[in-house]
Amino acid sequence: MAIDRYSYPFTAIVGQDKMKLALVLNAINPSIGGVLIRGEKGTGKSTAVRALARLLPDQRVVEGCHFGCHPDDPEDWCFECRQRAESGPLPSTVRRMRVVELPINASEDRVVGTIDLEAALKEGSRRFEPGVLAEANRNILYVDEVNLLDDHIVDVLLDAAAMGINTVEREGVSVSHPSRFILVGTMNPEEGELRPQLLDRFGLCVDVEGIRDLDQRVSIVEKRARWESDPNGFYQQHAESEQDVRSHIAEGIATFPEVDLPREILKLVAQISIALEVDGHRSDLVCARAAQAKAAYDEAEEVKVTHVSEVAEMVFAHRVHSVPFGKGGPNLGEVIARMVGQQ
């Protein structure tokens, strides 16, 4: 396999274990709702996202389809594939998943796509120019500095992530297409916050910061230097660990729907949500899905308390109110640990 010079191995990334876990869980079950990574620049956020893409299974797609529709899922086909299928079986090919980046200054038309109204009105045809949400279908959508985007654009992204479909309407003409993707947003809180309503719609949230451990910081520089001087050799040093993670992700994707989710686990999740006084029920759903994905990644047949404890903090980090988690009070991790310890 040819090695992409710009693809740093996922397993060579030093530290940032929570960030890597959050990415893996969303790869296994995108319905978790994506991950928001908060932290300063230079902490490996984009490196980890690109490295993850290399570990995800290849996928079959309809050849020539703008949206990468799966040839065996007619219910999720775009309007073009439905029309083409009327003339016979659709040709298919195999592609790797990729990272689609949203430009910071992207307009709404660039994000959702545009309809040629003149063609629609004169010819009755639906000429659609696909946008970023079309490119992102069945891929990873990476949104850097999501807190600097217009709130309306963020709403559109989160709607598509939640619904799995993008609908464009102009002057009574409507076009819809599949838009299922792994959503990864990053932000530096020092440059502005996201509104609470938008924060809550990200499934998981991880806070990252520069590593303070001396040996780990030295290791980061050493590894980076070796990779830059000999990317192929560096990759080969990590080939076994990369394949291990790749296999676990593929197995997790295949098996997570069958992982048993006991009622006692659901009660624990609900108790944590109540204790943390979070709003609504999204946290319960996300925590259950994330714990199920973690169990699948661990090749477990059912979700256990330990799986909940491993994902809970990233589920609730952006959903708790500042009180009672202010100065001198218990931190989020302590409350979760106490709730889990009672089981």
C-alpha atoms as a PDB file:
ATOM      1  CA  MET A   1       0.000   0.000   0.000  1.00  0.00           C
ATOM      2  CA  ALA A   2       1.347   3.402  -0.978  1.00  0.00           C
ATOM      3  CA  ILE A   3       1.730   5.700   1.999  1.00  0.00           C
ATOM      4  CA  ASP A   4       0.341   9.210   1.866  1.00  0.00           C
ATOM      5  CA  ARG A   5       3.178  11.466   2.939  1.00  0.00           C
ATOM      6  CA  TYR A   6       0.710  13.739   4.684  1.00  0.00           C
ATOM      7  CA  SER A   7      -1.057  11.027   6.657  1.00  0.00           C
ATOM      8  CA  TYR A   8       0.414  10.632  10.109  1.00  0.00           C
ATOM      9  CA  PRO A   9      -0.439   7.274  11.752  1.00  0.00           C
ATOM     10  CA  PHE A  10      -3.356   7.433  14.178  1.00  0.00           C
ATOM     11  CA  THR A  11      -1.615   5.211  16.709  1.00  0.00           C
ATOM     12  CA  ALA A  12       1.546   7.338  16.629  1.00  0.00           C
ATOM     13  CA  ILE A  13      -0.294  10.347  18.070  1.00  0.00           C
ATOM     14  CA  VAL A  14       1.003  10.910  21.602  1.00  0.00           C
ATOM     15  CA  GLY A  15      -1.639  11.289  24.314  1.00  0.00           C
ATOM     16  CA  GLN A  16      -5.052  12.853  23.536  1.00  0.00           C
ATOM     17  CA  ASP A  17      -6.690   9.494  24.262  1.00  0.00           C
ATOM     18  CA  LYS A  18     -10.161  10.948  24.853  1.00  0.00           C
ATOM     19  CA  MET A  19     -10.107  12.765  21.531  1.00  0.00           C
ATOM     20  CA  LYS A  20      -9.044   9.609  19.700  1.00  0.00           C
ATOM     21  CA  LEU A  21     -11.716   7.552  21.462  1.00  0.00           C
ATOM     22  CA  ALA A  22     -14.441  10.074  20.610  1.00  0.00           C
ATOM     23  CA  LEU A  23     -13.445   9.927  16.931  1.00  0.00           C
ATOM     24  CA  VAL A  24     -13.424   6.121  16.903  1.00  0.00           C
ATOM     25  CA  LEU A  25     -16.853   5.907  18.566  1.00  0.00           C
ATOM     26  CA  ASN A  26     -18.377   8.214  15.945  1.00  0.00           C
ATOM     27  CA  ALA A  27     -16.777   6.154  13.196  1.00  0.00           C
ATOM     28  CA  ILE A  28     -18.462   3.037  14.611  1.00  0.00           C
ATOM     29  CA  ASN A  29     -21.831   4.734  15.115  1.00  0.00           C
ATOM     30  CA  PRO A  30     -22.241   8.126  13.366  1.00  0.00           C
ATOM     31  CA  SER A  31     -25.725   8.491  14.914  1.00  0.00           C
ATOM     32  CA  ILE A  32     -23.909   9.505  18.112  1.00  0.00           C
ATOM     33  CA  GLY A  33     -24.001  12.939  16.502  1.00  0.00           C
ATOM     34  CA  GLY A  34     -20.383  13.903  15.955  1.00  0.00           C
ATOM     35  CA  VAL A  35     -17.750  15.307  18.246  1.00  0.00           C
ATOM     36  CA  LEU A  36     -16.767  18.848  19.175  1.00  0.00           C
ATOM     37  CA  ILE A  37     -13.085  19.193  20.034  1.00  0.00           C
ATOM     38  CA  ARG A  38     -12.320  22.287  22.095  1.00  0.00           C
ATOM     39  CA  GLY A  39      -8.775  23.435  22.673  1.00  0.00           C
ATOM     40  CA  GLU A  40      -5.777  25.452  21.659  1.00  0.00           C
ATOM     41  CA  LYS A  41      -4.079  25.180  18.296  1.00  0.00           C
ATOM     42  CA  GLY A  42      -1.296  22.666  17.768  1.00  0.00           C
ATOM     43  CA  THR A  43      -2.828  19.840  19.795  1.00  0.00           C
ATOM     44  CA  GLY A  44      -3.216  17.340  16.940  1.00  0.00           C
ATOM     45  CA  LYS A  45      -6.913  17.833  16.191  1.00  0.00           C
ATOM     46  CA  SER A  46      -6.742  17.876  12.381  1.00  0.00           C
ATOM     47  CA  THR A  47      -3.921  15.305  12.379  1.00  0.00           C
ATOM     48  CA  ALA A  48      -6.101  12.839  14.291  1.00  0.00           C
ATOM     49  CA  VAL A  49      -9.087  13.348  11.983  1.00  0.00           C
ATOM     50  CA  ARG A  50      -7.064  12.718   8.830  1.00  0.00           C
ATOM     51  CA  ALA A  51      -5.331   9.740  10.415  1.00  0.00           C
ATOM     52  CA  LEU A  52      -8.677   8.230  11.389  1.00  0.00           C
ATOM     53  CA  ALA A  53      -9.910   8.376   7.779  1.00  0.00           C
ATOM     54  CA  ARG A  54      -7.131   5.986   6.756  1.00  0.00           C
ATOM     55  CA  LEU A  55      -8.381   3.413   9.256  1.00  0.00           C
ATOM     56  CA  LEU A  56     -12.006   3.312   8.097  1.00  0.00           C
ATOM     57  CA  PRO A  57     -13.268   0.504   5.834  1.00  0.00           C
ATOM     58  CA  ASP A  58     -13.449   1.028   2.085  1.00  0.00           C
ATOM     59  CA  GLN A  59     -16.987   1.494   0.848  1.00  0.00           C
ATOM     60  CA  ARG A  60     -18.900   0.505  -2.248  1.00  0.00           C
ATOM     61  CA  VAL A  61     -20.456   3.421  -4.115  1.00  0.00           C
ATOM     62  CA  VAL A  62     -22.467   3.931  -7.280  1.00  0.00           C
ATOM     63  CA  GLU A  63     -19.971   4.813  -9.978  1.00  0.00           C
ATOM     64  CA  GLY A  64     -20.314   8.423 -11.110  1.00  0.00           C
ATOM     65  CA  CYS A  65     -22.661   9.419  -8.262  1.00  0.00           C
ATOM     66  CA  HIS A  66     -21.995  12.879  -6.778  1.00  0.00           C
ATOM     67  CA  PHE A  67     -23.229  11.664  -3.410  1.00  0.00           C
ATOM     68  CA  GLY A  68     -21.480   8.312  -3.161  1.00  0.00           C
ATOM     69  CA  CYS A  69     -24.736   6.363  -2.801  1.00  0.00           C
ATOM     70  CA  HIS A  70     -24.452   2.717  -1.756  1.00  0.00           C
ATOM     71  CA  PRO A  71     -25.555   0.500  -4.686  1.00  0.00           C
ATOM     72  CA  ASP A  72     -27.394  -1.897  -2.355  1.00  0.00           C
ATOM     73  CA  ASP A  73     -29.387   0.731  -0.421  1.00  0.00           C
ATOM     74  CA  PRO A  74     -32.062   1.973  -2.857  1.00  0.00           C
ATOM     75  CA  GLU A  75     -34.042   3.614  -0.057  1.00  0.00           C
ATOM     76  CA  ASP A  76     -31.136   6.009   0.502  1.00  0.00           C
ATOM     77  CA  TRP A  77     -30.401   6.714  -3.166  1.00  0.00           C
ATOM     78  CA  CYS A  78     -30.260  10.272  -4.443  1.00  0.00           C
ATOM     79  CA  PHE A  79     -32.692  11.393  -7.132  1.00  0.00           C
ATOM     80  CA  GLU A  80     -30.064  10.852  -9.860  1.00  0.00           C
ATOM     81  CA  CYS A  81     -29.434   7.230  -8.870  1.00  0.00           C
ATOM     82  CA  ARG A  82     -33.178   6.551  -8.793  1.00  0.00           C
ATOM     83  CA  GLN A  83     -33.495   7.855 -12.336  1.00  0.00           C
ATOM     84  CA  ARG A  84     -30.460   5.904 -13.563  1.00  0.00           C
ATOM     85  CA  ALA A  85     -31.741   2.682 -11.967  1.00  0.00           C
ATOM     86  CA  GLU A  86     -34.815   2.808 -14.223  1.00  0.00           C
ATOM     87  CA  SER A  87     -32.533   1.946 -17.150  1.00  0.00           C
ATOM     88  CA  GLY A  88     -30.883  -1.028 -15.470  1.00  0.00           C
ATOM     89  CA  PRO A  89     -28.497  -2.039 -12.675  1.00  0.00           C
ATOM     90  CA  LEU A  90     -26.206   0.696 -11.389  1.00  0.00           C
ATOM     91  CA  PRO A  91     -22.453   0.212 -11.871  1.00  0.00           C
ATOM     92  CA  SER A  92     -20.468   0.273  -8.657  1.00  0.00           C
ATOM     93  CA  THR A  93     -16.926   0.916  -7.568  1.00  0.00           C
ATOM     94  CA  VAL A  94     -14.953   1.033  -4.314  1.00  0.00           C
ATOM     95  CA  ARG A  95     -13.563   4.150  -2.658  1.00  0.00           C
ATOM     96  CA  ARG A  96     -11.869   5.118   0.553  1.00  0.00           C
ATOM     97  CA  MET A  97     -13.527   7.444   3.006  1.00  0.00           C
ATOM     98  CA  ARG A  98     -12.070  10.926   2.998  1.00  0.00           C
ATOM     99  CA  VAL A  99     -12.107  14.110   5.016  1.00  0.00           C
ATOM    100  CA  VAL A 100     -14.228  16.908   3.540  1.00  0.00           C
ATOM    101  CA  GLU A 101     -13.338  20.291   5.005  1.00  0.00           C
ATOM    102  CA  LEU A 102     -15.769  23.179   5.292  1.00  0.00           C
ATOM    103  CA  PRO A 103     -14.141  26.525   4.411  1.00  0.00           C
ATOM    104  CA  ILE A 104     -14.474  29.063   7.218  1.00  0.00           C
ATOM    105  CA  ASN A 105     -16.011  31.643   4.843  1.00  0.00           C
ATOM    106  CA  ALA A 106     -18.396  29.225   3.096  1.00  0.00           C
ATOM    107  CA  SER A 107     -21.745  30.657   2.011  1.00  0.00           C
ATOM    108  CA  GLU A 108     -25.009  28.799   2.546  1.00  0.00           C
ATOM    109  CA  ASP A 109     -25.143  27.907  -1.175  1.00  0.00           C
ATOM    110  CA  ARG A 110     -21.633  26.447  -0.963  1.00  0.00           C
ATOM    111  CA  VAL A 111     -22.724  24.326   1.995  1.00  0.00           C
ATOM    112  CA  VAL A 112     -26.133  23.040   0.866  1.00  0.00           C
ATOM    113  CA  GLY A 113     -25.807  23.334  -2.931  1.00  0.00           C
ATOM    114  CA  THR A 114     -27.755  25.344  -5.504  1.00  0.00           C
ATOM    115  CA  ILE A 115     -30.689  24.724  -7.834  1.00  0.00           C
ATOM    116  CA  ASP A 116     -30.698  26.020 -11.410  1.00  0.00           C
ATOM    117  CA  LEU A 117     -34.085  27.745 -11.234  1.00  0.00           C
ATOM    118  CA  GLU A 118     -34.112  28.711 -14.899  1.00  0.00           C
ATOM    119  CA  ALA A 119     -33.741  25.092 -15.970  1.00  0.00           C
ATOM    120  CA  ALA A 120     -36.318  24.022 -13.420  1.00  0.00           C
ATOM    121  CA  LEU A 121     -38.906  26.533 -14.578  1.00  0.00           C
ATOM    122  CA  LYS A 122     -38.291  26.294 -18.339  1.00  0.00           C
ATOM    123  CA  GLU A 123     -37.486  22.606 -18.751  1.00  0.00           C
ATOM    124  CA  GLY A 124     -38.993  21.100 -15.648  1.00  0.00           C
ATOM    125  CA  SER A 125     -35.623  19.496 -14.871  1.00  0.00           C
ATOM    126  CA  ARG A 126     -33.907  19.513 -11.502  1.00  0.00           C
ATOM    127  CA  ARG A 127     -30.398  20.728 -12.174  1.00  0.00           C
ATOM    128  CA  PHE A 128     -28.602  20.681  -8.880  1.00  0.00           C
ATOM    129  CA  GLU A 129     -25.091  21.872  -8.154  1.00  0.00           C
ATOM    130  CA  PRO A 130     -23.950  19.806  -5.141  1.00  0.00           C
ATOM    131  CA  GLY A 131     -22.408  21.540  -2.124  1.00  0.00           C
ATOM    132  CA  VAL A 132     -20.252  20.497   0.796  1.00  0.00           C
ATOM    133  CA  LEU A 133     -23.036  18.387   2.329  1.00  0.00           C
ATOM    134  CA  ALA A 134     -23.162  16.325  -0.867  1.00  0.00           C
ATOM    135  CA  GLU A 135     -19.400  15.769  -0.828  1.00  0.00           C
ATOM    136  CA  ALA A 136     -19.572  14.803   2.836  1.00  0.00           C
ATOM    137  CA  ASN A 137     -22.121  12.023   2.382  1.00  0.00           C
ATOM    138  CA  ARG A 138     -20.606   8.786   3.759  1.00  0.00           C
ATOM    139  CA  ASN A 139     -17.395  10.653   4.582  1.00  0.00           C
ATOM    140  CA  ILE A 140     -15.998  12.736   7.452  1.00  0.00           C
ATOM    141  CA  LEU A 141     -17.072  16.390   7.548  1.00  0.00           C
ATOM    142  CA  TYR A 142     -14.393  18.427   9.295  1.00  0.00           C
ATOM    143  CA  VAL A 143     -15.398  21.915  10.432  1.00  0.00           C
ATOM    144  CA  ASP A 144     -12.484  23.892  11.829  1.00  0.00           C
ATOM    145  CA  GLU A 145     -13.285  26.904  14.035  1.00  0.00           C
ATOM    146  CA  VAL A 146     -16.969  26.004  14.049  1.00  0.00           C
ATOM    147  CA  ASN A 147     -17.591  28.741  16.640  1.00  0.00           C
ATOM    148  CA  LEU A 148     -16.664  31.381  14.049  1.00  0.00           C
ATOM    149  CA  LEU A 149     -19.287  30.217  11.550  1.00  0.00           C
ATOM    150  CA  ASP A 150     -22.619  31.963  11.196  1.00  0.00           C
ATOM    151  CA  ASP A 151     -25.156  30.318  13.540  1.00  0.00           C
ATOM    152  CA  HIS A 152     -27.451  29.587  10.601  1.00  0.00           C
ATOM    153  CA  ILE A 153     -24.719  27.623   8.805  1.00  0.00           C
ATOM    154  CA  VAL A 154     -24.041  25.615  11.972  1.00  0.00           C
ATOM    155  CA  ASP A 155     -27.790  24.914  12.256  1.00  0.00           C
ATOM    156  CA  VAL A 156     -27.830  23.590   8.682  1.00  0.00           C
ATOM    157  CA  LEU A 157     -24.848  21.314   9.365  1.00  0.00           C
ATOM    158  CA  LEU A 158     -26.349  19.925  12.569  1.00  0.00           C
ATOM    159  CA  ASP A 159     -29.749  19.401  10.930  1.00  0.00           C
ATOM    160  CA  ALA A 160     -28.160  17.370   8.146  1.00  0.00           C
ATOM    161  CA  ALA A 161     -26.094  15.391  10.650  1.00  0.00           C
ATOM    162  CA  ALA A 162     -29.200  14.573  12.690  1.00  0.00           C
ATOM    163  CA  MET A 163     -31.552  13.805   9.796  1.00  0.00           C
ATOM    164  CA  GLY A 164     -29.109  12.209   7.354  1.00  0.00           C
ATOM    165  CA  ILE A 165     -30.609  14.228   4.533  1.00  0.00           C
ATOM    166  CA  ASN A 166     -30.110  17.682   3.017  1.00  0.00           C
ATOM    167  CA  THR A 167     -33.047  19.505   1.441  1.00  0.00           C
ATOM    168  CA  VAL A 168     -32.649  22.616  -0.704  1.00  0.00           C
ATOM    169  CA  GLU A 169     -35.702  24.722  -1.537  1.00  0.00           C
ATOM    170  CA  ARG A 170     -35.729  27.688  -3.894  1.00  0.00           C
ATOM    171  CA  GLU A 171     -38.850  29.398  -5.259  1.00  0.00           C
ATOM    172  CA  GLY A 172     -41.044  26.351  -4.760  1.00  0.00           C
ATOM    173  CA  VAL A 173     -38.487  23.945  -6.239  1.00  0.00           C
ATOM    174  CA  SER A 174     -37.124  21.331  -3.835  1.00  0.00           C
ATOM    175  CA  VAL A 175     -34.205  18.898  -4.084  1.00  0.00           C
ATOM    176  CA  SER A 176     -33.188  16.402  -1.397  1.00  0.00           C
ATOM    177  CA  HIS A 177     -30.192  14.125  -1.215  1.00  0.00           C
ATOM    178  CA  PRO A 178     -28.609  11.814   1.390  1.00  0.00           C
ATOM    179  CA  SER A 179     -26.124  13.480   3.710  1.00  0.00           C
ATOM    180  CA  ARG A 180     -24.881  11.047   6.330  1.00  0.00           C
ATOM    181  CA  PHE A 181     -21.448  11.845   7.660  1.00  0.00           C
ATOM    182  CA  ILE A 182     -19.171  11.719  10.670  1.00  0.00           C
ATOM    183  CA  LEU A 183     -19.220  15.295  11.974  1.00  0.00           C
ATOM    184  CA  VAL A 184     -16.082  16.681  13.604  1.00  0.00           C
ATOM    185  CA  GLY A 185     -16.018  20.301  14.743  1.00  0.00           C
ATOM    186  CA  THR A 186     -13.107  22.090  16.384  1.00  0.00           C
ATOM    187  CA  MET A 187     -12.898  25.388  18.184  1.00  0.00           C
ATOM    188  CA  ASN A 188     -10.679  27.494  20.390  1.00  0.00           C
ATOM    189  CA  PRO A 189     -12.888  28.777  23.253  1.00  0.00           C
ATOM    190  CA  GLU A 190     -10.685  31.858  23.573  1.00  0.00           C
ATOM    191  CA  GLU A 191     -12.021  33.001  20.185  1.00  0.00           C
ATOM    192  CA  GLY A 192     -15.685  32.784  21.184  1.00  0.00           C
ATOM    193  CA  GLU A 193     -18.210  30.233  22.375  1.00  0.00           C
ATOM    194  CA  LEU A 194     -20.997  28.368  20.639  1.00  0.00           C
ATOM    195  CA  ARG A 195     -24.560  29.031  21.739  1.00  0.00           C
ATOM    196  CA  PRO A 196     -25.747  26.386  24.290  1.00  0.00           C
ATOM    197  CA  GLN A 197     -28.444  25.218  21.864  1.00  0.00           C
ATOM    198  CA  LEU A 198     -25.789  24.411  19.259  1.00  0.00           C
ATOM    199  CA  LEU A 199     -23.391  22.908  21.799  1.00  0.00           C
ATOM    200  CA  ASP A 200     -26.018  20.418  22.952  1.00  0.00           C
ATOM    201  CA  ARG A 201     -26.535  19.112  19.428  1.00  0.00           C
ATOM    202  CA  PHE A 202     -22.984  17.801  19.170  1.00  0.00           C
ATOM    203  CA  GLY A 203     -23.065  14.238  20.437  1.00  0.00           C
ATOM    204  CA  LEU A 204     -19.709  14.262  22.228  1.00  0.00           C
ATOM    205  CA  CYS A 205     -17.356  16.997  23.378  1.00  0.00           C
ATOM    206  CA  VAL A 206     -13.687  16.685  24.274  1.00  0.00           C
ATOM    207  CA  ASP A 207     -11.411  19.347  25.714  1.00  0.00           C
ATOM    208  CA  VAL A 208      -7.776  19.072  24.635  1.00  0.00           C
ATOM    209  CA  GLU A 209      -4.713  21.009  25.683  1.00  0.00           C
ATOM    210  CA  GLY A 210      -1.001  20.898  25.109  1.00  0.00           C
ATOM    211  CA  ILE A 211       0.724  18.010  26.872  1.00  0.00           C
ATOM    212  CA  ARG A 212       2.658  19.068  29.956  1.00  0.00           C
ATOM    213  CA  ASP A 213       4.548  15.805  30.538  1.00  0.00           C
ATOM    214  CA  LEU A 214       8.228  16.298  29.652  1.00  0.00           C
ATOM    215  CA  ASP A 215       8.859  12.849  28.167  1.00  0.00           C
ATOM    216  CA  GLN A 216       5.689  12.949  26.071  1.00  0.00           C
ATOM    217  CA  ARG A 217       6.559  16.373  24.657  1.00  0.00           C
ATOM    218  CA  VAL A 218      10.004  15.100  23.666  1.00  0.00           C
ATOM    219  CA  SER A 219       8.396  12.012  22.100  1.00  0.00           C
ATOM    220  CA  ILE A 220       6.099  14.203  19.982  1.00  0.00           C
ATOM    221  CA  VAL A 221       9.053  16.063  18.467  1.00  0.00           C
ATOM    222  CA  GLU A 222      11.083  12.881  17.925  1.00  0.00           C
ATOM    223  CA  LYS A 223       8.233  11.066  16.204  1.00  0.00           C
ATOM    224  CA  ARG A 224       7.408  14.020  14.019  1.00  0.00           C
ATOM    225  CA  ALA A 225      11.035  14.287  12.878  1.00  0.00           C
ATOM    226  CA  ARG A 226      11.182  10.581  12.011  1.00  0.00           C
ATOM    227  CA  TRP A 227       7.941  10.791  10.070  1.00  0.00           C
ATOM    228  CA  GLU A 228       9.052  13.816   8.062  1.00  0.00           C
ATOM    229  CA  SER A 229      12.406  12.227   7.156  1.00  0.00           C
ATOM    230  CA  ASP A 230      10.994   8.793   6.252  1.00  0.00           C
ATOM    231  CA  PRO A 231       7.175   8.610   6.164  1.00  0.00           C
ATOM    232  CA  ASN A 232       7.105   5.099   4.673  1.00  0.00           C
ATOM    233  CA  GLY A 233       9.500   3.694   7.253  1.00  0.00           C
ATOM    234  CA  PHE A 234       7.690   5.479  10.082  1.00  0.00           C
ATOM    235  CA  TYR A 235       4.354   4.088   8.931  1.00  0.00           C
ATOM    236  CA  GLN A 236       5.763   0.563   8.784  1.00  0.00           C
ATOM    237  CA  GLN A 237       6.869   0.909  12.421  1.00  0.00           C
ATOM    238  CA  HIS A 238       3.210   1.490  13.324  1.00  0.00           C
ATOM    239  CA  ALA A 239       1.636  -0.798  10.715  1.00  0.00           C
ATOM    240  CA  GLU A 240       0.719  -3.519  13.212  1.00  0.00           C
ATOM    241  CA  SER A 241      -0.956  -1.152  15.678  1.00  0.00           C
ATOM    242  CA  GLU A 242      -2.724   0.648  12.820  1.00  0.00           C
ATOM    243  CA  GLN A 243      -4.098  -2.652  11.516  1.00  0.00           C
ATOM    244  CA  ASP A 244      -5.257  -3.579  15.017  1.00  0.00           C
ATOM    245  CA  VAL A 245      -7.300  -0.394  15.363  1.00  0.00           C
ATOM    246  CA  ARG A 246      -8.567  -0.744  11.782  1.00  0.00           C
ATOM    247  CA  SER A 247      -9.803  -4.274  12.497  1.00  0.00           C
ATOM    248  CA  HIS A 248     -11.490  -3.270  15.758  1.00  0.00           C
ATOM    249  CA  ILE A 249     -13.293  -0.378  14.037  1.00  0.00           C
ATOM    250  CA  ALA A 250     -14.492  -2.596  11.179  1.00  0.00           C
ATOM    251  CA  GLU A 251     -15.690  -5.224  13.647  1.00  0.00           C
ATOM    252  CA  GLY A 252     -17.370  -2.545  15.750  1.00  0.00           C
ATOM    253  CA  ILE A 253     -19.241  -1.147  12.739  1.00  0.00           C
ATOM    254  CA  ALA A 254     -20.487  -4.615  11.865  1.00  0.00           C
ATOM    255  CA  THR A 255     -21.536  -5.679  15.357  1.00  0.00           C
ATOM    256  CA  PHE A 256     -22.671  -2.612  17.339  1.00  0.00           C
ATOM    257  CA  PRO A 257     -26.372  -2.963  16.369  1.00  0.00           C
ATOM    258  CA  GLU A 258     -26.337  -6.424  17.992  1.00  0.00           C
ATOM    259  CA  VAL A 259     -24.680  -5.355  21.263  1.00  0.00           C
ATOM    260  CA  ASP A 260     -27.175  -5.804  24.089  1.00  0.00           C
ATOM    261  CA  LEU A 261     -28.108  -2.664  26.021  1.00  0.00           C
ATOM    262  CA  PRO A 262     -29.497  -3.850  29.404  1.00  0.00           C
ATOM    263  CA  ARG A 263     -32.238  -1.869  31.118  1.00  0.00           C
ATOM    264  CA  GLU A 264     -29.989  -1.465  34.164  1.00  0.00           C
ATOM    265  CA  ILE A 265     -27.473   0.394  31.995  1.00  0.00           C
ATOM    266  CA  LEU A 266     -30.214   2.681  30.679  1.00  0.00           C
ATOM    267  CA  LYS A 267     -31.271   3.383  34.271  1.00  0.00           C
ATOM    268  CA  LEU A 268     -27.680   4.278  35.164  1.00  0.00           C
ATOM    269  CA  VAL A 269     -27.472   6.682  32.224  1.00  0.00           C
ATOM    270  CA  ALA A 270     -30.744   8.308  33.259  1.00  0.00           C
ATOM    271  CA  GLN A 271     -29.551   8.617  36.868  1.00  0.00           C
ATOM    272  CA  ILE A 272     -26.382  10.399  35.711  1.00  0.00           C
ATOM    273  CA  SER A 273     -28.425  12.814  33.575  1.00  0.00           C
ATOM    274  CA  ILE A 274     -30.716  13.562  36.517  1.00  0.00           C
ATOM    275  CA  ALA A 275     -27.815  14.030  38.932  1.00  0.00           C
ATOM    276  CA  LEU A 276     -26.113  16.456  36.540  1.00  0.00           C
ATOM    277  CA  GLU A 277     -29.406  18.313  35.925  1.00  0.00           C
ATOM    278  CA  VAL A 278     -28.953  18.359  32.151  1.00  0.00           C
ATOM    279  CA  ASP A 279     -31.745  19.675  29.950  1.00  0.00           C
ATOM    280  CA  GLY A 280     -33.786  17.361  27.740  1.00  0.00           C
ATOM    281  CA  HIS A 281     -33.155  13.733  26.882  1.00  0.00           C
ATOM    282  CA  ARG A 282     -30.510  13.948  24.164  1.00  0.00           C
ATOM    283  CA  SER A 283     -27.759  13.141  26.670  1.00  0.00           C
ATOM    284  CA  ASP A 284     -29.428   9.821  27.544  1.00  0.00           C
ATOM    285  CA  LEU A 285     -29.653   8.802  23.896  1.00  0.00           C
ATOM    286  CA  VAL A 286     -26.101   9.830  23.088  1.00  0.00           C
ATOM    287  CA  CYS A 287     -24.633   8.160  26.174  1.00  0.00           C
ATOM    288  CA  ALA A 288     -26.404   4.889  25.383  1.00  0.00           C
ATOM    289  CA  ARG A 289     -25.208   4.950  21.768  1.00  0.00           C
ATOM    290  CA  ALA A 290     -21.645   5.860  22.727  1.00  0.00           C
ATOM    291  CA  ALA A 291     -21.472   3.130  25.384  1.00  0.00           C
ATOM    292  CA  GLN A 292     -22.845   0.640  22.868  1.00  0.00           C
ATOM    293  CA  ALA A 293     -20.196   1.672  20.330  1.00  0.00           C
ATOM    294  CA  LYS A 294     -17.470   1.321  22.979  1.00  0.00           C
ATOM    295  CA  ALA A 295     -18.703  -2.152  23.849  1.00  0.00           C
ATOM    296  CA  ALA A 296     -18.644  -3.103  20.157  1.00  0.00           C
ATOM    297  CA  TYR A 297     -15.109  -1.752  19.831  1.00  0.00           C
ATOM    298  CA  ASP A 298     -14.111  -3.882  22.832  1.00  0.00           C
ATOM    299  CA  GLU A 299     -15.801  -6.921  21.243  1.00  0.00           C
ATOM    300  CA  ALA A 300     -18.210  -7.202  24.185  1.00  0.00           C
ATOM    301  CA  GLU A 301     -21.652  -8.751  23.713  1.00  0.00           C
ATOM    302  CA  GLU A 302     -23.393  -6.315  26.053  1.00  0.00           C
ATOM    303  CA  VAL A 303     -22.845  -2.843  27.442  1.00  0.00           C
ATOM    304  CA  LYS A 304     -21.351  -2.820  30.923  1.00  0.00           C
ATOM    305  CA  VAL A 305     -20.964  -0.140  33.589  1.00  0.00           C
ATOM    306  CA  THR A 306     -17.316   0.359  32.604  1.00  0.00           C
ATOM    307  CA  HIS A 307     -18.363   1.307  29.061  1.00  0.00           C
ATOM    308  CA  VAL A 308     -20.650   4.004  30.433  1.00  0.00           C
ATOM    309  CA  SER A 309     -17.906   5.376  32.688  1.00  0.00           C
ATOM    310  CA  GLU A 310     -15.496   5.578  29.736  1.00  0.00           C
ATOM    311  CA  VAL A 311     -17.821   7.705  27.598  1.00  0.00           C
ATOM    312  CA  ALA A 312     -19.924   9.651  30.120  1.00  0.00           C
ATOM    313  CA  GLU A 313     -17.604  12.617  30.598  1.00  0.00           C
ATOM    314  CA  MET A 314     -17.443  13.369  26.872  1.00  0.00           C
ATOM    315  CA  VAL A 315     -21.240  13.059  26.684  1.00  0.00           C
ATOM    316  CA  PHE A 316     -21.942  15.510  29.514  1.00  0.00           C
ATOM    317  CA  ALA A 317     -18.953  17.900  29.379  1.00  0.00           C
ATOM    318  CA  HIS A 318     -20.807  20.452  27.236  1.00  0.00           C
ATOM    319  CA  ARG A 319     -24.254  19.895  28.715  1.00  0.00           C
ATOM    320  CA  VAL A 320     -23.842  20.564  32.431  1.00  0.00           C
ATOM    321  CA  HIS A 321     -24.618  23.961  33.919  1.00  0.00           C
ATOM    322  CA  SER A 322     -21.868  25.839  35.763  1.00  0.00           C
ATOM    323  CA  VAL A 323     -23.675  25.247  39.082  1.00  0.00           C
ATOM    324  CA  PRO A 324     -22.956  23.099  41.061  1.00  0.00           C
ATOM    325  CA  PHE A 325     -19.683  22.647  39.204  1.00  0.00           C
ATOM    326  CA  GLY A 326     -18.134  25.925  40.222  1.00  0.00           C
ATOM    327  CA  LYS A 327     -15.052  26.613  42.286  1.00  0.00           C
ATOM    328  CA  GLY A 328     -14.796  24.405  45.323  1.00  0.00           C
ATOM    329  CA  GLY A 329     -17.574  22.085  44.149  1.00  0.00           C
ATOM    330  CA  PRO A 330     -17.259  18.576  42.742  1.00  0.00           C
ATOM    331  CA  ASN A 331     -16.025  18.354  39.170  1.00  0.00           C
ATOM    332  CA  LEU A 332     -17.841  16.466  36.443  1.00  0.00           C
ATOM    333  CA  GLY A 333     -15.573  13.440  36.599  1.00  0.00           C
ATOM    334  CA  GLU A 334     -16.068  13.072  40.350  1.00  0.00           C
ATOM    335  CA  VAL A 335     -19.859  13.111  40.071  1.00  0.00           C
ATOM    336  CA  ILE A 336     -19.865  10.546  37.251  1.00  0.00           C
ATOM    337  CA  ALA A 337     -17.397   8.321  39.143  1.00  0.00           C
ATOM    338  CA  ARG A 338     -19.618   8.450  42.243  1.00  0.00           C
ATOM    339  CA  MET A 339     -22.740   7.528  40.251  1.00  0.00           C
ATOM    340  CA  VAL A 340     -20.971   4.669  38.474  1.00  0.00           C
ATOM    341  CA  GLY A 341     -19.406   3.470  41.731  1.00  0.00           C
ATOM    342  CA  GLN A 342     -22.854   2.994  43.253  1.00  0.00           C
ATOM    343  CA  GLN A 343     -23.679   0.287  40.724  1.00  0.00           C
END
